[in-house]
């Protein structure tokens, strides 16, 4: 029997407030930067005035208020090396 790995899907909607689904972990939530684990990737949001309006890891949902300036994805290994550079 063949086992098929299912990819965990996520979505990102920036319309008024920012809604992210498929969130498995909140790595950082600061006023100017948000880092989230979504499936096999890390999602980086930068901007200003970020604030969590709703967070449910059971549902995998994060709703943010604030202004999004950039969105970037990285593999989890790439994200870890970026964090190491920040804390040197």
Foldseek 3Di string as FASTA:
>chain_A
DDDDDDFQDWDWDDDQKIKIAQFQDWPDFDQAWTWTDHGQKIKIWGFGRWDWPDDDNVRRMTIIHGDTDDIDIDGPVVVVVVVVVVVD
